[in-house]
Amino acid sequence: MTIATALKTASRKAGWSPTKIAATVGKSEASARQWLKGATDMSATDYQRLREELPGFAELVDRKAVAA
């Protein structure tokens, strides 16, 4: 599972819109939409913040790391 897929899955389950993702990390909605598509990578700081704030995201990413 890619980080983009984990972000998409966790945000859907939590009911988070791209606007909510963007607001959580202080970035634009356009940036969040790019992350969700896998078109661009988020910064390490944004990644860590979403691991802490978005329910289920850390577990999905950790599951990906174990499977790799």
N, C-alpha and C. Protein backbone atom coordinates (compact mmCIF):
# COMPACT_ATOMS: atom_id res chain seq x y z
N MET A 1 0.85 -1.18 0.00
CA MET A 1 0.00 0.00 0.00
C MET A 1 0.89 1.24 0.00
N THR A 2 0.62 2.14 -0.92
CA THR A 2 1.40 3.37 -0.97
C THR A 2 0.93 4.34 0.12
N ILE A 3 1.73 5.36 0.37
CA ILE A 3 1.33 6.38 1.33
C ILE A 3 0.07 7.08 0.84
N ALA A 4 -0.02 7.32 -0.45
CA ALA A 4 -1.22 7.96 -1.01
C ALA A 4 -2.45 7.09 -0.77
N THR A 5 -2.33 5.80 -0.96
CA THR A 5 -3.46 4.89 -0.73
C THR A 5 -3.82 4.86 0.74
N ALA A 6 -2.82 4.82 1.61
CA ALA A 6 -3.07 4.84 3.05
C ALA A 6 -3.77 6.14 3.45
N LEU A 7 -3.33 7.26 2.88
CA LEU A 7 -3.94 8.55 3.18
C LEU A 7 -5.39 8.57 2.70
N LYS A 8 -5.61 8.08 1.50
CA LYS A 8 -6.97 8.05 0.94
C LYS A 8 -7.88 7.16 1.78
N THR A 9 -7.40 5.98 2.13
CA THR A 9 -8.20 5.03 2.91
C THR A 9 -8.53 5.59 4.29
N ALA A 10 -7.51 6.08 4.99
CA ALA A 10 -7.72 6.61 6.34
C ALA A 10 -8.62 7.84 6.33
N SER A 11 -8.43 8.72 5.36
CA SER A 11 -9.25 9.93 5.34
C SER A 11 -10.70 9.61 5.03
N ARG A 12 -10.94 8.66 4.16
CA ARG A 12 -12.32 8.25 3.86
C ARG A 12 -12.98 7.64 5.09
N LYS A 13 -12.27 6.75 5.76
CA LYS A 13 -12.82 6.10 6.96
C LYS A 13 -13.10 7.12 8.07
N ALA A 14 -12.25 8.13 8.18
CA ALA A 14 -12.41 9.13 9.24
C ALA A 14 -13.36 10.26 8.83
N GLY A 15 -13.76 10.27 7.56
CA GLY A 15 -14.64 11.34 7.08
C GLY A 15 -13.92 12.66 6.87
N TRP A 16 -12.62 12.58 6.61
CA TRP A 16 -11.82 13.78 6.39
C TRP A 16 -11.80 14.15 4.91
N SER A 17 -12.08 15.39 4.62
CA SER A 17 -12.01 15.92 3.26
C SER A 17 -10.58 16.40 2.98
N PRO A 18 -10.26 16.66 1.72
CA PRO A 18 -8.96 17.27 1.43
C PRO A 18 -8.77 18.61 2.17
N THR A 19 -9.86 19.33 2.38
CA THR A 19 -9.79 20.59 3.13
C THR A 19 -9.35 20.34 4.56
N LYS A 20 -9.89 19.30 5.19
CA LYS A 20 -9.52 18.96 6.58
C LYS A 20 -8.07 18.49 6.65
N ILE A 21 -7.66 17.68 5.70
CA ILE A 21 -6.26 17.23 5.66
C ILE A 21 -5.34 18.45 5.56
N ALA A 22 -5.65 19.34 4.63
CA ALA A 22 -4.83 20.53 4.42
C ALA A 22 -4.79 21.41 5.66
N ALA A 23 -5.93 21.62 6.29
CA ALA A 23 -5.98 22.46 7.48
C ALA A 23 -5.17 21.87 8.63
N THR A 24 -5.15 20.57 8.72
CA THR A 24 -4.41 19.89 9.80
C THR A 24 -2.91 20.16 9.71
N VAL A 25 -2.40 20.25 8.50
CA VAL A 25 -0.96 20.46 8.32
C VAL A 25 -0.61 21.87 7.87
N GLY A 26 -1.62 22.73 7.69
CA GLY A 26 -1.36 24.11 7.31
C GLY A 26 -0.92 24.29 5.86
N LYS A 27 -1.43 23.43 4.99
CA LYS A 27 -1.10 23.51 3.57
C LYS A 27 -2.37 23.78 2.78
N SER A 28 -2.23 23.93 1.47
CA SER A 28 -3.39 24.21 0.61
C SER A 28 -4.17 22.92 0.34
N GLU A 29 -5.43 23.10 0.00
CA GLU A 29 -6.25 21.96 -0.39
C GLU A 29 -5.68 21.32 -1.65
N ALA A 30 -5.13 22.12 -2.54
CA ALA A 30 -4.51 21.59 -3.76
C ALA A 30 -3.38 20.62 -3.42
N SER A 31 -2.58 20.97 -2.41
CA SER A 31 -1.50 20.06 -1.97
C SER A 31 -2.08 18.74 -1.48
N ALA A 32 -3.11 18.83 -0.65
CA ALA A 32 -3.73 17.61 -0.12
C ALA A 32 -4.28 16.75 -1.24
N ARG A 33 -4.88 17.36 -2.23
CA ARG A 33 -5.41 16.60 -3.37
C ARG A 33 -4.28 15.91 -4.15
N GLN A 34 -3.15 16.58 -4.27
CA GLN A 34 -1.99 15.97 -4.95
C GLN A 34 -1.47 14.78 -4.15
N TRP A 35 -1.42 14.90 -2.83
CA TRP A 35 -0.98 13.77 -1.99
C TRP A 35 -1.93 12.59 -2.15
N LEU A 36 -3.23 12.88 -2.15
CA LEU A 36 -4.23 11.81 -2.26
C LEU A 36 -4.13 11.08 -3.59
N LYS A 37 -3.73 11.78 -4.64
CA LYS A 37 -3.54 11.16 -5.96
C LYS A 37 -2.19 10.45 -6.07
N GLY A 38 -1.27 10.76 -5.16
CA GLY A 38 0.08 10.23 -5.26
C GLY A 38 0.93 10.99 -6.25
N ALA A 39 0.47 12.18 -6.64
CA ALA A 39 1.18 12.99 -7.64
C ALA A 39 2.41 13.68 -7.04
N THR A 40 2.34 14.02 -5.76
CA THR A 40 3.48 14.63 -5.07
C THR A 40 3.62 14.00 -3.70
N ASP A 41 4.79 14.12 -3.13
CA ASP A 41 5.05 13.61 -1.78
C ASP A 41 4.94 14.75 -0.78
N MET A 42 4.41 14.42 0.38
CA MET A 42 4.34 15.42 1.45
C MET A 42 5.69 15.48 2.17
N SER A 43 5.90 16.58 2.87
CA SER A 43 7.14 16.72 3.64
C SER A 43 7.11 15.75 4.82
N ALA A 44 8.26 15.50 5.39
CA ALA A 44 8.36 14.64 6.56
C ALA A 44 7.56 15.21 7.73
N THR A 45 7.55 16.53 7.85
CA THR A 45 6.79 17.18 8.92
C THR A 45 5.29 16.96 8.74
N ASP A 46 4.81 17.12 7.51
CA ASP A 46 3.38 16.91 7.23
C ASP A 46 3.01 15.44 7.44
N TYR A 47 3.87 14.57 7.00
CA TYR A 47 3.65 13.13 7.17
C TYR A 47 3.52 12.79 8.66
N GLN A 48 4.43 13.28 9.46
CA GLN A 48 4.40 12.99 10.90
C GLN A 48 3.14 13.56 11.55
N ARG A 49 2.76 14.76 11.16
CA ARG A 49 1.55 15.38 11.72
C ARG A 49 0.31 14.55 11.40
N LEU A 50 0.22 14.09 10.16
CA LEU A 50 -0.93 13.26 9.80
C LEU A 50 -0.90 11.91 10.48
N ARG A 51 0.27 11.36 10.71
CA ARG A 51 0.38 10.12 11.49
C ARG A 51 -0.22 10.32 12.88
N GLU A 52 0.01 11.49 13.45
CA GLU A 52 -0.47 11.79 14.80
C GLU A 52 -1.95 12.15 14.84
N GLU A 53 -2.44 12.80 13.81
CA GLU A 53 -3.79 13.38 13.85
C GLU A 53 -4.87 12.60 13.10
N LEU A 54 -4.54 11.96 12.00
CA LEU A 54 -5.55 11.29 11.17
C LEU A 54 -5.75 9.86 11.66
N PRO A 55 -6.93 9.57 12.21
CA PRO A 55 -7.17 8.22 12.74
C PRO A 55 -6.96 7.15 11.67
N GLY A 56 -6.18 6.13 12.04
CA GLY A 56 -5.95 4.99 11.17
C GLY A 56 -4.80 5.13 10.19
N PHE A 57 -4.32 6.34 9.95
CA PHE A 57 -3.25 6.54 8.97
C PHE A 57 -1.96 5.85 9.39
N ALA A 58 -1.54 6.05 10.62
CA ALA A 58 -0.29 5.45 11.10
C ALA A 58 -0.35 3.92 11.01
N GLU A 59 -1.48 3.34 11.38
CA GLU A 59 -1.62 1.89 11.33
C GLU A 59 -1.51 1.37 9.89
N LEU A 60 -2.13 2.07 8.96
CA LEU A 60 -2.05 1.65 7.56
C LEU A 60 -0.63 1.76 7.02
N VAL A 61 0.05 2.85 7.36
CA VAL A 61 1.42 3.04 6.89
C VAL A 61 2.34 2.01 7.54
N ASP A 62 2.15 1.74 8.83
CA ASP A 62 2.97 0.76 9.53
C ASP A 62 2.75 -0.64 8.95
N ARG A 63 1.52 -0.96 8.60
CA ARG A 63 1.20 -2.25 7.98
C ARG A 63 1.93 -2.37 6.65
N LYS A 64 1.99 -1.28 5.89
CA LYS A 64 2.70 -1.25 4.61
C LYS A 64 4.18 -1.53 4.84
N ALA A 65 4.76 -0.92 5.88
CA ALA A 65 6.20 -1.07 6.15
C ALA A 65 6.53 -2.51 6.52
N VAL A 66 5.66 -3.15 7.27
CA VAL A 66 5.88 -4.54 7.69
C VAL A 66 5.78 -5.46 6.48
N ALA A 67 4.88 -5.16 5.56
CA ALA A 67 4.68 -6.00 4.39
C ALA A 67 5.81 -5.88 3.38
N ALA A 68 6.53 -4.77 3.43
CA ALA A 68 7.59 -4.51 2.43
C ALA A 68 8.84 -5.29 2.67
